[in-house]
C-alpha cells in the first residue's frame, strides 16, 4: 500500500491556510518522520491536505495522459542531453539492483533500468536560475 501522508502542518507553516493554527513542533516532526520513513521503505508517498485544488490536479493528469499518449517522435523532439538536463526520457537507470550468477556461480549485482517515461520542465525563470530556458515538444 502506498503511504499517504497528511502534510497540513507543513502547508500551515508556510501560510497555506489562514484559517488554521500554526503547527506545533511535534506535528512538524511527525510529518518529517513520516516522509523520511516512506522514502526509506517505499521510495515514494502520496500526500493529502496539500492545498492544491482538485481542478488543478485533474488538469495535470489530463495533460500528462495526453502527452504520454503522443507518438514517440513528438515526445523525443525534446530529449535530455548533457547541455539540456530537462525534457523527455523514456528509460532511466535509478539503481534497481538485480543479483545474477554466472557459469562459475559468482554473484554480481547489476543495475537494471527502471522502465518509465518522464518529462522534466526545468525552472520557470531560466535567468534567475542560470539554467537553460524551457523547451516543449514540436506539435504538442
Protein backbone atom coordinates (compact mmCIF):
# COMPACT_ATOMS: atom_id res chain seq x y z
CA UNK A 1 0.00 0.00 0.00
CA UNK A 2 1.27 3.47 -0.88
CA UNK A 3 1.98 5.59 2.22
CA UNK A 4 -0.39 8.57 2.47
CA UNK A 5 0.93 11.50 4.50
CA UNK A 6 -1.08 14.44 5.79
CA UNK A 7 1.16 17.46 5.18
CA UNK A 8 -1.27 20.06 6.57
CA UNK A 9 1.22 21.07 9.29
CA UNK A 10 3.81 21.95 6.61
CA UNK A 11 1.25 23.80 4.49
CA UNK A 12 0.09 25.75 7.54
CA UNK A 13 3.68 26.57 8.46
CA UNK A 14 4.10 28.15 5.03
CA UNK A 15 0.86 30.14 5.34
CA UNK A 16 -1.17 27.85 3.07
CA UNK A 17 -4.34 28.03 5.16
CA UNK A 18 -5.10 31.25 7.02
CA UNK A 19 -7.93 29.59 8.98
CA UNK A 20 -5.61 27.09 10.65
CA UNK A 21 -3.43 27.50 13.66
CA UNK A 22 0.30 27.14 13.31
CA UNK A 23 1.62 23.62 13.60
CA UNK A 24 3.36 22.52 16.76
CA UNK A 25 6.93 21.29 16.60
CA UNK A 26 5.67 17.78 17.45
CA UNK A 27 3.28 17.85 14.46
CA UNK A 28 6.06 19.02 12.15
CA UNK A 29 8.44 16.36 13.45
CA UNK A 30 5.76 13.71 12.87
CA UNK A 31 5.32 14.79 9.22
CA UNK A 32 9.08 14.86 8.66
CA UNK A 33 9.48 11.40 10.22
CA UNK A 34 6.59 10.03 8.12
CA UNK A 35 8.16 11.38 4.92
CA UNK A 36 11.60 10.01 5.81
CA UNK A 37 10.15 6.59 6.70
CA UNK A 38 8.14 6.43 3.45
CA UNK A 39 11.17 7.39 1.36
CA UNK A 40 13.39 4.82 3.05
CA UNK A 41 10.88 1.96 2.97
CA UNK A 42 8.96 2.60 -0.27
CA UNK A 43 10.79 5.30 -2.24
CA UNK A 44 7.64 7.39 -2.67
CA UNK A 45 4.45 8.53 -0.96
CA UNK A 46 1.17 10.35 -1.61
CA UNK A 47 0.09 13.48 0.23
CA UNK A 48 -3.23 14.84 1.46
CA UNK A 49 -4.16 18.31 2.70
CA UNK A 50 -1.52 19.86 0.42
CA UNK A 51 -3.62 22.83 -0.64
CA UNK A 52 -3.73 22.07 -4.38
CA UNK A 53 -7.31 22.28 -5.63
CA UNK A 54 -8.97 19.30 -7.32
CA UNK A 55 -9.39 21.09 -10.69
CA UNK A 56 -5.64 21.75 -10.92
CA UNK A 57 -4.87 18.11 -10.12
CA UNK A 58 -7.40 16.90 -12.72
CA UNK A 59 -5.93 19.24 -15.36
CA UNK A 60 -2.41 17.97 -14.62
CA UNK A 61 -3.48 14.32 -15.00
CA UNK A 62 -5.27 15.13 -18.27
CA UNK A 63 -2.24 16.97 -19.71
CA UNK A 64 0.09 14.18 -18.58
CA UNK A 65 -2.06 11.49 -20.19
CA UNK A 66 -2.32 13.47 -23.44
CA UNK A 67 1.45 13.99 -23.58
CA UNK A 68 2.47 10.39 -22.85
CA UNK A 69 -0.10 9.08 -25.37
CA UNK A 70 1.65 11.02 -28.18
CA UNK A 71 3.88 9.39 -30.78
CA UNK A 72 7.45 8.76 -29.63
CA UNK A 73 8.84 11.07 -32.31
CA UNK A 74 6.94 14.03 -30.84
CA UNK A 75 7.95 13.25 -27.25
CA UNK A 76 11.59 12.74 -28.28
CA UNK A 77 11.76 16.13 -30.02
CA UNK A 78 12.91 17.46 -26.63
CA UNK A 79 15.24 14.85 -25.20
CA UNK A 80 17.55 15.18 -22.20
CA UNK A 81 21.17 15.85 -23.12
CA UNK A 82 24.32 16.98 -21.31
CA UNK A 83 23.57 20.55 -22.46
CA UNK A 84 19.82 20.39 -21.72
CA UNK A 85 19.12 18.45 -18.50
CA UNK A 86 15.34 18.61 -18.93
CA UNK A 87 12.86 17.16 -21.41
CA UNK A 88 11.76 13.65 -22.31
CA UNK A 89 13.40 10.46 -21.17
CA UNK A 90 11.93 7.02 -21.70
CA UNK A 91 14.22 4.84 -19.64
CA UNK A 92 16.09 5.82 -16.51
CA UNK A 93 18.53 3.74 -14.56
CA UNK A 94 17.64 4.51 -10.98
CA UNK A 95 19.62 1.76 -9.32
CA UNK A 96 17.20 -1.13 -9.38
CA UNK A 97 19.62 -3.84 -8.24
CA UNK A 98 19.44 -7.36 -9.53
CA UNK A 99 21.67 -10.20 -8.41
CA UNK A 100 22.86 -12.51 -11.17
CA UNK A 101 25.01 -15.60 -11.18
CA UNK A 102 27.39 -16.55 -13.95
CA UNK A 103 28.53 -20.03 -15.02
CA UNK A 104 31.01 -20.13 -12.12
CA UNK A 105 28.25 -19.32 -9.59
CA UNK A 106 29.81 -15.91 -8.99
CA UNK A 107 27.12 -13.49 -7.86
CA UNK A 108 27.16 -9.99 -9.30
CA UNK A 109 24.88 -7.09 -8.52
CA UNK A 110 23.82 -5.25 -11.65
CA UNK A 111 21.68 -2.21 -12.22
CA UNK A 112 18.60 -2.70 -14.36
CA UNK A 113 16.87 0.29 -15.94
CA UNK A 114 13.62 1.49 -14.40
CA UNK A 115 11.17 1.31 -17.30
CA UNK A 116 9.23 4.56 -17.26
CA UNK A 117 8.73 7.80 -19.15
CA UNK A 118 9.41 11.25 -17.74
CA UNK A 119 9.24 14.84 -18.95
CA UNK A 120 11.01 17.47 -16.86
CA UNK A 121 10.28 21.15 -17.45
CA UNK A 122 13.03 22.87 -15.50
CA UNK A 123 12.70 26.16 -13.66
CA UNK A 124 10.11 28.72 -14.72
CA UNK A 125 12.60 31.60 -14.77
CA UNK A 126 15.77 30.48 -16.52
CA UNK A 127 17.53 33.82 -16.00
CA UNK A 128 17.18 33.71 -12.22
CA UNK A 129 18.19 30.05 -12.06
CA UNK A 130 21.03 30.33 -14.58
CA UNK A 131 19.63 27.27 -16.36
CA UNK A 132 18.54 26.80 -19.98
CA UNK A 133 15.10 28.12 -20.94
CA UNK A 134 12.25 25.62 -21.11
CA UNK A 135 11.66 23.67 -24.31
CA UNK A 136 8.46 21.98 -25.38
CA UNK A 137 7.91 19.18 -27.90
CA UNK A 138 7.13 20.07 -31.50
CA UNK A 139 3.46 19.72 -32.50
CA UNK A 140 2.43 19.12 -28.89
